[in-house]
Protein backbone atom coordinates (compact mmCIF):
# COMPACT_ATOMS: atom_id res chain seq x y z
CA MET A 1 18.70 3.53 9.56
CA SER A 2 15.55 2.49 7.65
CA LEU A 3 12.87 1.66 10.18
CA TYR A 4 9.70 1.36 8.15
CA ALA A 5 7.79 -1.24 6.20
CA GLU A 6 5.18 -0.01 3.78
CA LEU A 7 2.44 -2.63 3.12
CA HIS A 8 -0.10 -0.52 1.18
CA ARG A 9 1.19 1.75 -1.56
CA HIS A 10 -0.24 1.94 -5.13
CA LEU A 11 2.05 2.38 -8.08
CA GLY A 12 -0.61 4.72 -9.62
CA GLY A 13 -0.45 7.03 -6.63
CA ALA A 14 3.18 6.61 -5.53
CA VAL A 15 4.94 9.08 -7.85
CA VAL A 16 5.17 12.53 -6.13
CA PRO A 17 3.42 15.38 -7.93
CA ARG A 18 6.64 17.25 -8.79
CA ILE A 19 8.22 14.32 -10.56
CA PHE A 20 5.01 13.68 -12.48
CA TRP A 21 4.59 17.36 -13.45
CA ARG A 22 8.16 17.53 -14.69
CA TYR A 23 7.59 14.47 -16.81
CA LEU A 24 4.50 16.14 -18.32
CA LYS A 25 6.49 19.34 -19.02
CA ARG A 26 9.41 17.48 -20.51
CA THR A 27 7.18 15.37 -22.84
CA GLY A 28 4.97 18.34 -23.85
CA HIS A 29 1.81 16.66 -22.61
CA PRO A 30 -1.39 18.72 -22.83
CA LEU A 31 -1.84 18.40 -19.08
CA ALA A 32 1.24 20.53 -18.69
CA ALA A 33 -0.42 23.37 -20.58
CA GLU A 34 -3.62 22.96 -18.57
CA TYR A 35 -1.59 23.28 -15.35
CA PRO A 36 1.36 25.53 -16.36
CA THR A 37 2.75 25.90 -12.83
CA TYR A 38 3.66 23.20 -10.44
CA GLU A 39 1.54 24.75 -7.74
CA SER A 40 -1.63 24.57 -9.86
CA PHE A 41 -0.88 20.95 -10.67
CA GLU A 42 -0.16 20.02 -7.06
CA ASP A 43 -3.46 21.62 -5.96
CA PHE A 44 -5.38 19.65 -8.61
CA VAL A 45 -3.71 16.35 -7.60
CA THR A 46 -3.83 16.67 -3.81
CA ARG A 47 -7.21 18.32 -3.20
CA PRO A 48 -9.86 16.25 -1.41
CA ARG A 49 -12.46 14.41 -3.52
CA ALA A 50 -16.16 13.87 -2.81
CA SER A 51 -16.01 10.06 -2.80
CA LEU A 52 -13.82 7.02 -3.22
CA ALA A 53 -15.02 6.56 -6.82
CA GLU A 54 -14.11 10.17 -7.69
CA TYR A 55 -10.77 9.83 -5.90
CA LEU A 56 -9.90 6.72 -7.93
CA GLU A 57 -10.22 8.64 -11.11
CA LEU A 58 -6.76 10.02 -10.28
CA HIS A 59 -5.42 6.50 -10.81
CA ALA A 60 -7.10 6.46 -14.19
CA LEU A 61 -5.26 9.70 -14.95
CA VAL A 62 -1.84 8.34 -14.02
CA GLU A 63 -2.01 4.74 -15.29
CA PRO A 64 -1.80 5.51 -19.09
CA PHE A 65 1.56 7.17 -18.42
CA GLN A 66 2.96 4.06 -16.77
CA THR A 67 3.84 2.10 -19.90
CA LEU A 68 6.52 -0.51 -20.43
CA GLU A 69 8.78 2.28 -21.67
CA THR A 70 8.19 4.67 -18.76
CA LEU A 71 7.78 2.27 -15.84
CA PRO A 72 11.57 2.08 -15.11
CA TYR A 73 11.63 5.88 -14.75
CA PHE A 74 8.66 6.12 -12.41
CA VAL A 75 9.55 3.07 -10.30
CA SER A 76 13.17 4.02 -9.86
CA LYS A 77 12.15 7.51 -8.71
CA LEU A 78 9.65 6.25 -6.18
CA VAL A 79 12.09 3.67 -4.82
CA ARG A 80 14.75 6.34 -4.39
CA GLY A 81 12.35 8.63 -2.54
CA ALA A 82 11.01 5.83 -0.34
CA TYR A 83 14.56 4.84 0.73
CA VAL A 84 16.14 8.28 1.13
CA PHE A 85 13.32 10.40 2.45
CA GLU A 86 11.00 7.89 4.20
CA GLY A 87 13.41 5.38 5.72
CA ILE A 88 11.52 2.44 4.08
CA CYS A 89 13.50 -0.74 3.91
CA TYR A 90 10.57 -2.99 2.85
CA LEU A 91 7.95 -1.99 0.30
CA GLU A 92 4.96 -3.87 -1.09
CA LEU A 93 4.02 -1.96 -4.16
CA ARG A 94 0.57 -2.82 -5.57
CA HIS A 95 -0.85 -2.28 -9.03
CA THR A 96 -3.05 -3.73 -11.70
CA PRO A 97 -0.62 -4.83 -14.43
CA PHE A 98 -3.39 -5.04 -17.06
CA TYR A 99 -3.75 -1.23 -16.86
CA ARG A 100 -0.07 -0.86 -17.82
CA THR A 101 -0.31 -2.94 -20.97
CA ASP A 102 -0.73 -1.55 -24.51
CA PRO A 103 -4.45 -0.70 -24.92
CA VAL A 104 -4.27 -1.17 -28.73
CA LEU A 105 -3.64 -4.92 -28.23
CA MET A 106 -6.28 -7.62 -28.19
CA PRO A 107 -7.42 -8.60 -24.65
CA GLN A 108 -5.54 -11.95 -24.74
CA ASP A 109 -2.38 -10.19 -25.90
CA ARG A 110 -2.72 -7.65 -23.08
CA ILE A 111 -3.10 -10.49 -20.61
CA ALA A 112 0.14 -12.03 -21.96
CA GLN A 113 1.89 -8.67 -21.73
CA MET A 114 1.16 -8.44 -18.02
CA ARG A 115 4.14 -10.75 -17.38
CA GLU A 116 6.47 -8.20 -18.98
CA VAL A 117 5.00 -5.39 -16.90
CA VAL A 118 5.55 -7.27 -13.67
CA ALA A 119 9.12 -8.08 -14.65
CA VAL A 120 9.89 -4.51 -15.66
CA VAL A 121 8.48 -3.13 -12.36
CA GLY A 122 10.42 -5.74 -10.35
CA GLU A 123 13.75 -5.02 -12.06
CA ALA A 124 13.30 -1.22 -11.85
CA GLY A 125 12.82 -1.61 -8.06
CA ARG A 126 16.29 -3.16 -7.64
CA ASP A 127 18.87 -0.40 -7.25
CA PRO A 128 22.04 -1.00 -5.25
CA HIS A 129 22.16 2.64 -4.33
CA TYR A 130 18.74 2.39 -2.61
CA PRO A 131 18.67 -1.22 -1.35
CA LEU A 132 15.15 -1.52 -0.05
CA LEU A 133 13.41 -4.89 -0.50
CA MET A 134 10.47 -4.41 -2.90
CA ARG A 135 7.77 -6.89 -3.78
CA GLN A 136 4.63 -6.47 -5.82
CA ILE A 137 0.98 -7.09 -4.90
CA LEU A 138 -1.11 -7.65 -8.02
CA CYS A 139 -4.57 -5.97 -7.79
CA MET A 140 -7.57 -7.74 -9.07
CA HIS A 141 -9.95 -4.88 -10.07
CA SER A 142 -13.69 -4.50 -9.64
CA ARG A 143 -14.00 -3.08 -13.20
CA LEU A 144 -12.12 -5.90 -14.89
CA PRO A 145 -13.62 -9.18 -16.13
CA TYR A 146 -13.12 -12.49 -14.37
CA GLU A 147 -10.69 -13.79 -16.96
CA VAL A 148 -8.27 -10.92 -16.46
CA ASN A 149 -8.43 -11.13 -12.63
CA ARG A 150 -7.86 -14.86 -12.64
CA ALA A 151 -4.92 -14.48 -15.01
CA MET A 152 -3.33 -12.12 -12.55
CA LEU A 153 -3.53 -14.77 -9.79
CA HIS A 154 -1.69 -17.29 -11.95
CA LEU A 155 0.84 -14.66 -13.04
CA GLY A 156 1.60 -13.76 -9.47
CA ALA A 157 2.06 -17.43 -8.44
CA SER A 158 4.48 -17.92 -11.33
CA LEU A 159 6.69 -15.02 -10.44
CA PRO A 160 7.55 -15.32 -6.73
CA GLU A 161 10.77 -13.36 -7.27
CA TYR A 162 8.62 -10.28 -7.93
CA VAL A 163 5.19 -10.94 -6.46
CA CYS A 164 4.28 -11.59 -2.83
CA GLY A 165 0.47 -11.47 -2.90
CA VAL A 166 -2.85 -10.39 -4.49
CA ASP A 167 -5.34 -7.71 -3.71
CA LEU A 168 -8.90 -6.67 -4.61
CA ALA A 169 -9.17 -3.02 -5.58
CA GLY A 170 -11.22 -0.56 -7.59
CA PRO A 171 -14.55 1.11 -6.65
CA ASP A 172 -16.09 -0.96 -3.83
CA ILE A 173 -19.64 -0.09 -5.09
CA PHE A 174 -19.09 -2.90 -7.60
CA TYR A 175 -18.19 -5.61 -5.14
CA ALA A 176 -21.67 -6.80 -4.13
CA GLU A 177 -22.81 -8.04 -7.51
CA ARG A 178 -19.75 -10.35 -7.83
CA LEU A 179 -19.21 -11.59 -4.31
CA ASP A 180 -19.30 -15.32 -5.31
CA GLU A 181 -16.71 -14.52 -7.90
CA TRP A 182 -14.32 -12.80 -5.40
CA VAL A 183 -14.67 -15.65 -2.97
CA ALA A 184 -13.71 -18.14 -5.68
CA LEU A 185 -10.77 -16.09 -6.78
CA PHE A 186 -9.43 -15.62 -3.26
CA ALA A 187 -9.78 -19.37 -2.63
CA GLU A 188 -7.84 -20.03 -5.82
CA ALA A 189 -5.17 -17.55 -4.71
CA HIS A 190 -4.69 -19.47 -1.50
CA ALA A 191 -4.51 -22.74 -3.35
CA LEU A 192 -1.74 -21.21 -5.49
CA GLY A 193 0.15 -20.23 -2.27
CA LEU A 194 -0.51 -16.52 -2.66
CA PRO A 195 -1.21 -14.29 0.42
CA THR A 196 -4.27 -12.13 -0.01
CA THR A 197 -5.40 -8.68 0.98
CA GLY A 198 -8.33 -6.63 -0.16
CA HIS A 199 -9.85 -3.15 -0.05
CA LEU A 200 -12.70 -3.87 2.43
CA TYR A 201 -14.49 -1.88 5.08
CA GLU A 202 -12.85 1.34 3.86
CA THR A 203 -16.19 2.99 3.12
CA PRO A 204 -19.80 2.08 4.09
CA ASP A 205 -20.17 0.64 0.56
CA GLY A 206 -17.33 -1.82 0.97
CA CYS A 207 -18.58 -3.79 3.99
CA HIS A 208 -18.80 -7.45 2.95
CA PRO A 209 -18.32 -9.99 5.80
CA ALA A 210 -18.38 -12.91 3.37
CA LEU A 211 -14.96 -11.89 2.08
CA LEU A 212 -13.20 -11.40 5.46
CA PRO A 213 -12.32 -15.06 6.05
CA HIS A 214 -10.48 -15.21 2.70
CA LEU A 215 -7.96 -12.40 3.48
CA SER A 216 -4.51 -12.68 5.00
CA ARG A 217 -4.64 -8.88 5.74
CA ILE A 218 -7.45 -6.32 5.41
CA GLY A 219 -6.85 -3.25 3.25
CA HIS A 220 -8.12 -0.38 5.37
CA GLY A 221 -10.86 -2.08 7.46
CA ILE A 222 -11.59 0.97 9.58
CA GLN A 223 -15.38 0.53 9.24
CA ILE A 224 -15.08 -2.80 11.15
CA ALA A 225 -13.92 -0.91 14.26
CA LEU A 226 -16.16 2.08 13.68
CA ARG A 227 -19.46 0.40 12.73
CA PHE A 228 -19.08 -3.35 13.22
CA PRO A 229 -16.90 -3.93 16.32
CA GLU A 230 -18.53 -7.28 16.86
CA LEU A 231 -16.40 -8.55 13.94
CA LEU A 232 -13.13 -7.69 15.57
CA PRO A 233 -12.81 -10.92 17.59
CA GLY A 234 -12.98 -12.87 14.34
CA VAL A 235 -10.36 -10.61 12.77
CA ALA A 236 -8.11 -11.24 15.80
CA ALA A 237 -8.65 -14.99 15.70
CA ARG A 238 -7.64 -15.09 12.06
CA GLY A 239 -4.48 -13.12 12.78
CA GLN A 240 -5.43 -10.44 10.30
CA CYS A 241 -3.88 -6.99 10.34
CA LEU A 242 -5.60 -3.77 9.27
CA GLU A 243 -3.76 -1.66 6.63
CA VAL A 244 -4.83 1.75 7.85
CA CYS A 245 -4.06 4.72 5.56
CA PRO A 246 -5.04 7.89 7.47
CA THR A 247 -4.65 10.60 4.79
CA THR A 248 -6.71 8.60 2.30
CA TYR A 249 -9.79 8.93 4.46
CA LEU A 250 -9.54 12.72 4.38
CA LYS A 251 -9.04 12.81 0.61
CA THR A 252 -11.95 10.52 -0.13
CA GLY A 253 -14.39 12.20 2.28
CA THR A 254 -14.70 9.00 4.30
CA LEU A 255 -13.62 10.87 7.43
CA GLN A 256 -13.82 14.57 8.25
CA ASP A 257 -10.82 14.51 10.51
CA LEU A 258 -8.37 11.97 11.91
CA THR A 259 -9.64 11.96 15.49
CA ALA A 260 -12.23 9.30 14.46
CA LEU A 261 -9.22 6.92 14.06
CA ARG A 262 -8.70 7.11 17.84
CA THR A 263 -11.76 4.82 18.20
CA VAL A 264 -10.27 2.45 15.59
CA PHE A 265 -7.02 2.15 17.57
CA GLU A 266 -8.74 1.79 20.91
CA ARG A 267 -11.15 -0.97 19.75
CA CYS A 268 -8.53 -2.80 17.81
CA ALA A 269 -6.14 -2.82 20.79
CA ALA A 270 -8.87 -4.11 23.10
CA ALA A 271 -9.62 -6.89 20.64
CA GLY A 272 -6.02 -7.81 19.94
CA VAL A 273 -6.07 -6.70 16.29
CA ASP A 274 -2.82 -5.36 14.83
CA ILE A 275 -2.68 -2.13 12.74
CA ALA A 276 -0.04 -1.27 10.11
CA LEU A 277 0.11 2.38 9.18
CA CYS A 278 0.37 2.89 5.39
CA THR A 279 0.31 5.71 2.84
CA ASP A 280 -1.94 4.17 0.12
CA ASN A 281 -0.99 6.91 -2.41
CA ALA A 282 1.95 8.85 -0.98
CA GLY A 283 2.44 10.81 -4.24
CA LEU A 284 -1.17 11.90 -4.77
CA HIS A 285 -1.33 12.94 -1.11
CA ASN A 286 2.17 14.49 -0.99
CA VAL A 287 2.34 12.83 2.51
CA ARG A 288 5.14 10.31 3.23
CA LEU A 289 4.99 7.42 5.61
CA PRO A 290 6.81 9.05 8.60
CA TRP A 291 4.39 11.93 8.34
CA GLU A 292 1.42 9.57 8.55
CA TYR A 293 2.82 8.43 11.93
CA GLU A 294 3.59 12.06 12.97
CA ASN A 295 0.18 13.36 12.12
CA LEU A 296 -1.50 10.77 14.29
CA LEU A 297 0.93 11.36 17.07
CA THR A 298 0.63 15.15 17.13
CA GLN A 299 -3.17 14.94 16.95
CA ASP A 300 -3.17 12.53 19.98
CA VAL A 301 -4.75 9.74 17.96
CA ILE A 302 -1.84 7.41 18.99
CA ASP A 303 1.00 7.60 21.50
CA PHE A 304 4.62 6.56 21.14
CA ASP A 305 3.94 2.99 22.35
CA GLN A 306 1.22 2.59 19.66
CA LEU A 307 3.57 4.11 17.14
CA THR A 308 6.15 1.45 17.88
CA ALA A 309 3.49 -1.29 17.82
CA CYS A 310 2.39 -0.21 14.33
CA GLN A 311 6.01 -0.16 13.09
CA ASP A 312 6.56 -3.71 14.38
CA ALA A 313 3.20 -4.96 13.09
CA ALA A 314 4.01 -3.84 9.58
CA PHE A 315 7.13 -6.11 9.53
CA ARG A 316 5.35 -8.96 11.31
CA HIS A 317 2.49 -9.00 8.75
CA ALA A 318 4.67 -8.36 5.71
CA PHE A 319 4.21 -11.03 3.05
CA ALA A 320 7.92 -11.25 2.13
CA TRP A 321 10.03 -9.69 4.91
CA PRO A 322 12.83 -12.30 5.37
CA HIS A 323 13.68 -11.69 9.08
CA PRO A 324 11.81 -12.71 12.19
CA HIS A 325 12.27 -9.25 13.68
CA PRO A 326 12.00 -5.66 12.40
CA PRO A 327 15.15 -3.54 12.05
CA ARG A 328 14.44 -1.70 15.32
CA VAL A 329 14.68 -4.86 17.35
CA LEU A 330 17.82 -5.93 15.45
CA LEU A 331 19.35 -2.50 16.15
CA ASP A 332 18.47 -2.69 19.85
CA ALA A 333 20.08 -6.10 20.08
CA LEU A 334 23.26 -4.69 18.37
CA ILE A 335 23.49 -1.78 20.72
CA SER A 336 23.00 -4.03 23.78
CA ASP A 337 25.62 -6.47 22.53
CA THR A 338 28.07 -3.60 21.82
CA ALA A 339 27.54 -2.19 25.27
CA ARG A 340 28.09 -5.53 26.92
CA HIS A 341 31.40 -6.08 25.18
CA THR A 342 32.78 -2.60 25.54
CA GLY A 343 31.90 -2.16 29.20
CA PRO A 344 31.09 1.17 30.91
CA SER A 345 32.40 4.41 29.67
CA LYS A 346 35.15 6.27 31.45
CA GLY A 347 32.65 8.59 33.14
CA GLU A 348 30.64 5.63 34.43
CA SER A 349 33.71 3.78 35.80
CA GLU A 350 34.76 6.86 37.69
């Protein structure tokens, strides 16, 4: 039974390396010649980077391949893998649609084409053989101009059948010079009825308290617990959840090992702040969502009670999960109801 909700996964980092490499080989792309074996390509994609900015260059590598023509292929494969191999029944897939439009078009034409990108991604995520519920989060980007980011807000609000929220992404070193702009855009998103999340407090460069009150959830947020724990009561009072993506912090050099996250969990629990475990870029990492849980569990960062709490928090804070309870609770109720109506087993009655 599918037990997981994934709240933070990027389309640019969701396709597993082997599928991407096979696509490069099949299409005769020069990258396939540069990395003639899968092992060499996997090593290139999954190796740690020196910084978040360098890490995000991998998205710039992948995004040009995700065109209107190829998006159905990539999205259908990632949905199949999420359902079959990860037990995910609810997925919020985030991306910047502008980066999937045709780069030869004029900017206004690319903005108009974003609607088609969102529709193609949404339809590709609907497969009766792998019936997870997928919604999109549209990412405003720190490298894009105000006009493009604002257009994404209005696009998302006009397509509720596909879009459940908006995000702020891109290198966080560019946030500070545009803080007033981000505040205004988040306020407009809420006015349009769109839930919000944002990549904040992931690295020391992304710590901007002025943006926190404008978010429904916080993308990453680990630096709040590690460096600014005095902010946790405010996070709890606003009912915000942290989207913690453990493997990302190793890949970007933000953390040297996962044991530092023990402090994050302890301080968040003490303050009453929920945490949802996420993958961020499951393909680029070659680490799936159940393994994120297992890695923290086996390294004594969390225990089984915390694991269950994270599973439940992901559904509780999901922007478009239609049920008041996660599947685990529904399954427990079904088992209890079945036991009540069938009575004790023969061995118990004897």
